[in-house]
Amino acid sequence: MGLFISVNGWTQGVITTLKLNKDRLLILANGECIRGVLEKGINLKDLIEEKIRYVSIKAEPFCSIEDYLKERRSGAAK
């Protein structure tokens, strides 16, 4: 398992390649994720755990800050 951080993001080809190679678990974080942790007080451990859950359940290697916050709100509402 790995975490790939790219401040400026990545090409769509990266996401497609990761989806095709499911034996290699790699989650993605961009500059917005890092800003969320550093400036908005988002817990890094919680963010990474959500990213792992996101790739495990939805087969999506990238969970944005918006997706993370939406999942947190929906989980808190239950």
C-alpha atoms as a PDB file:
ATOM      1  CA  MET A   1       0.000   0.000   0.000  1.00  0.00           C
ATOM      2  CA  GLY A   2       1.244   3.437  -0.785  1.00  0.00           C
ATOM      3  CA  LEU A   3       0.278   7.086  -0.629  1.00  0.00           C
ATOM      4  CA  PHE A   4       1.185   9.226  -3.637  1.00  0.00           C
ATOM      5  CA  ILE A   5       1.153  12.962  -2.939  1.00  0.00           C
ATOM      6  CA  SER A   6       1.216  15.416  -5.821  1.00  0.00           C
ATOM      7  CA  VAL A   7       0.664  19.057  -5.003  1.00  0.00           C
ATOM      8  CA  ASN A   8      -0.427  19.817  -8.569  1.00  0.00           C
ATOM      9  CA  GLY A   9      -2.467  16.673  -9.129  1.00  0.00           C
ATOM     10  CA  TRP A  10      -1.973  14.073 -11.850  1.00  0.00           C
ATOM     11  CA  THR A  11      -3.246  13.119 -15.264  1.00  0.00           C
ATOM     12  CA  GLN A  12      -6.396  11.053 -15.697  1.00  0.00           C
ATOM     13  CA  GLY A  13      -4.126   8.281 -16.969  1.00  0.00           C
ATOM     14  CA  VAL A  14      -2.811   7.747 -13.448  1.00  0.00           C
ATOM     15  CA  ILE A  15      -6.296   7.006 -12.088  1.00  0.00           C
ATOM     16  CA  THR A  16      -7.084   4.725 -15.041  1.00  0.00           C
ATOM     17  CA  THR A  17      -3.827   2.802 -14.553  1.00  0.00           C
ATOM     18  CA  LEU A  18      -4.476   2.373 -10.835  1.00  0.00           C
ATOM     19  CA  LYS A  19      -7.991   1.071 -11.502  1.00  0.00           C
ATOM     20  CA  LEU A  20      -6.624  -1.474 -13.988  1.00  0.00           C
ATOM     21  CA  ASN A  21      -3.866  -2.674 -11.611  1.00  0.00           C
ATOM     22  CA  LYS A  22      -5.952  -3.567  -8.575  1.00  0.00           C
ATOM     23  CA  ASP A  23      -3.167  -5.712  -7.105  1.00  0.00           C
ATOM     24  CA  ARG A  24      -1.264  -2.516  -6.323  1.00  0.00           C
ATOM     25  CA  LEU A  25      -3.061  -0.489  -3.699  1.00  0.00           C
ATOM     26  CA  LEU A  26      -2.097   3.144  -4.045  1.00  0.00           C
ATOM     27  CA  ILE A  27      -4.091   6.078  -2.745  1.00  0.00           C
ATOM     28  CA  LEU A  28      -3.711   9.610  -4.023  1.00  0.00           C
ATOM     29  CA  ALA A  29      -3.523  12.956  -2.251  1.00  0.00           C
ATOM     30  CA  ASN A  30      -3.234  16.379  -3.845  1.00  0.00           C
ATOM     31  CA  GLY A  31      -2.342  19.847  -2.627  1.00  0.00           C
ATOM     32  CA  GLU A  32      -5.904  20.453  -1.499  1.00  0.00           C
ATOM     33  CA  CYS A  33      -5.656  17.431   0.818  1.00  0.00           C
ATOM     34  CA  ILE A  34      -2.442  18.754   2.336  1.00  0.00           C
ATOM     35  CA  ARG A  35      -3.952  22.241   2.780  1.00  0.00           C
ATOM     36  CA  GLY A  36      -6.962  20.657   4.477  1.00  0.00           C
ATOM     37  CA  VAL A  37      -4.695  19.019   7.031  1.00  0.00           C
ATOM     38  CA  LEU A  38      -2.424  22.028   7.561  1.00  0.00           C
ATOM     39  CA  GLU A  39      -4.937  24.890   7.363  1.00  0.00           C
ATOM     40  CA  LYS A  40      -8.371  23.445   8.143  1.00  0.00           C
ATOM     41  CA  GLY A  41      -7.363  21.090  10.935  1.00  0.00           C
ATOM     42  CA  ILE A  42      -8.468  17.908   9.159  1.00  0.00           C
ATOM     43  CA  ASN A  43      -7.014  14.918  10.952  1.00  0.00           C
ATOM     44  CA  LEU A  44      -4.417  13.264   8.691  1.00  0.00           C
ATOM     45  CA  LYS A  45      -5.040   9.794  10.116  1.00  0.00           C
ATOM     46  CA  ASP A  46      -8.794  10.112   9.545  1.00  0.00           C
ATOM     47  CA  LEU A  47      -8.239  11.399   6.005  1.00  0.00           C
ATOM     48  CA  ILE A  48      -5.956   8.498   5.111  1.00  0.00           C
ATOM     49  CA  GLU A  49      -8.369   5.988   6.658  1.00  0.00           C
ATOM     50  CA  GLU A  50     -11.201   7.453   4.561  1.00  0.00           C
ATOM     51  CA  LYS A  51      -9.026   7.276   1.447  1.00  0.00           C
ATOM     52  CA  ILE A  52      -8.329   3.589   2.150  1.00  0.00           C
ATOM     53  CA  ARG A  53     -12.032   2.923   2.698  1.00  0.00           C
ATOM     54  CA  TYR A  54     -12.869   4.833  -0.481  1.00  0.00           C
ATOM     55  CA  VAL A  55     -10.505   2.769  -2.629  1.00  0.00           C
ATOM     56  CA  SER A  56     -11.614  -0.476  -0.968  1.00  0.00           C
ATOM     57  CA  ILE A  57     -15.360   0.117  -1.385  1.00  0.00           C
ATOM     58  CA  LYS A  58     -15.613   2.347  -4.445  1.00  0.00           C
ATOM     59  CA  ALA A  59     -12.434   1.258  -6.278  1.00  0.00           C
ATOM     60  CA  GLU A  60     -11.502   4.941  -6.601  1.00  0.00           C
ATOM     61  CA  PRO A  61      -7.866   5.765  -5.777  1.00  0.00           C
ATOM     62  CA  PHE A  62      -8.656   9.420  -5.047  1.00  0.00           C
ATOM     63  CA  CYS A  63     -10.977  10.734  -2.364  1.00  0.00           C
ATOM     64  CA  SER A  64     -11.061  14.540  -2.484  1.00  0.00           C
ATOM     65  CA  ILE A  65     -11.458  16.776   0.550  1.00  0.00           C
ATOM     66  CA  GLU A  66     -15.041  17.434  -0.587  1.00  0.00           C
ATOM     67  CA  ASP A  67     -15.717  13.678  -0.734  1.00  0.00           C
ATOM     68  CA  TYR A  68     -14.092  13.213   2.668  1.00  0.00           C
ATOM     69  CA  LEU A  69     -16.177  15.967   4.273  1.00  0.00           C
ATOM     70  CA  LYS A  70     -19.362  14.668   2.625  1.00  0.00           C
ATOM     71  CA  GLU A  71     -18.679  11.154   3.960  1.00  0.00           C
ATOM     72  CA  ARG A  72     -17.987  12.587   7.425  1.00  0.00           C
ATOM     73  CA  ARG A  73     -21.263  14.542   7.393  1.00  0.00           C
ATOM     74  CA  SER A  74     -23.296  11.570   6.214  1.00  0.00           C
ATOM     75  CA  GLY A  75     -21.644   9.330   8.806  1.00  0.00           C
ATOM     76  CA  ALA A  76     -22.359  11.829  11.560  1.00  0.00           C
ATOM     77  CA  ALA A  77     -25.996  12.064  10.490  1.00  0.00           C
ATOM     78  CA  LYS A  78     -26.549   8.315  10.947  1.00  0.00           C
END
